[in-house]
Amino acid sequence: MQAKFGKGITVVAADSSFAMRFSARFQTLYSGSLNTGDGSYDDALLIRRSRLKFTGFAYSPKLKYKIELGMSNRDIGVEPLRQNNYANNIIYDAVLVWDFYKNFELWLGQTKLPGNRERVISSQSLQFVDRSAVNAYFNLDRDIGVQLRHQFALNNIVFREILSVSMGEGRGVTVSNTGGYDYTLRGEILPFGEFTGDGDYFSSDLLREEEPKLSIGVTYDFNKGASREGGQLGNYLPENRDLSTVFVDAIFKYQGHSMLMEYANKTAPDGHVITLLNENDEPVTYTFDTGDGFNIQYGYLFPNNLEISGRYTQVDPEGEVSINNFEEYTFGVSKYIVGHSLKIQSDVSLITEAPLDDELRFRLQVEMAL
């Protein structure tokens, strides 16, 4: 048995037939919001996330697995649905990874789809207290299915490709497929080679890249007959629609500097609005989450592991919905005590959402990962 703070507890069988690493983490969050119109102030102190994670291999090092469980009320906290067998939705990841041939991997089970980079980056490894509104509105989240992953290098240039076929309704679904399947294709190019320690999938330049590193990614997703507002997320709607999503993202790191950019576009080719008549012959409108979004953030990590960062986020939903346009300006300060395993993060944001009053939000969060 091996144990190290931030790396969990690792157990390996005497005959090396399996290995398991167990880890746990939680986030304690304070959030306060000031309405600049009427001066009202709302705040809350809560456990934002609390997770248990199990990773390792079984039978052979080429057959790996990951199980992640969400334990906080915010992790679980949705009304039990028929589609989830009226049960708490605690399973986040339950996936097998088979390294079956050279640089090819086959993933089977429930896990994150290869969508926007900010979503695939763990919530433990973020530059700010939480992900941006672009991710909240457009992300593909998790789904149940199969993924084929491959990478290769030409000289120092690294190429990665991912193909995914999944159910399209999100995690924890127990009913039959209600529309069609979800198809996701992602490609990445790293023109200056791989990042140190997989640094293209955690925020901030904690490993202080000695040479410039850049990764550019493009994702296309087609959800055939989506039944939920956002595809894998949101309320179930009375009719299905095809959803088409494009993400373009890039991450750059060099000597403490880090920058992340993302663009998202989601459309419903047959229309994002559903209008039906209720029992009184009155029209009732339902909408899918479509439109455009852009996010850019930058941070600099000082030698004492104190980081200052800034972020601009813009979301423009399509059509006539309650919020016409969203903009957020965020300034953050983070202190990394043991990397992303023990850190204190705070940020202040100015949020404008037409036609609502502007909002000033302050957040302070402590992350502990054993």
Foldseek 3Di string as FASTA:
>chain_A
DDDDFPFADKDADPVRQKIKGKKKKWKWKKKKKAFPPPGDMDIDIFTQWIKIKMKIAHRDNQKIWIWMFTDGCNQQVDQQDVQLVRDGQGTQGTWIWGPDDDFKIKIFFKYADPDDLQQQQDCLFAPANGDDVCCVQAGQGMFGWMKMKGWDDDPQKIKIKMWTKGLQAAPNGDDPRDFHIKIKIKMKIKGRHADPPNVSRGDWPPVADADKTKMKMKMKMKRGFAQAQNRRDHDGDPGTFIKIKIKIKMWMGHRQKIKIKMKMFMDGVVAFKDWDADPVRDIDIDGHFGFMKIKMKMWGQDPQRKMKMKMWIKTATDDDDPWGIKIKIKIKIKHCPPNSQWIKIKMWMWMDTPPGGIMIMIMIMTMHMD
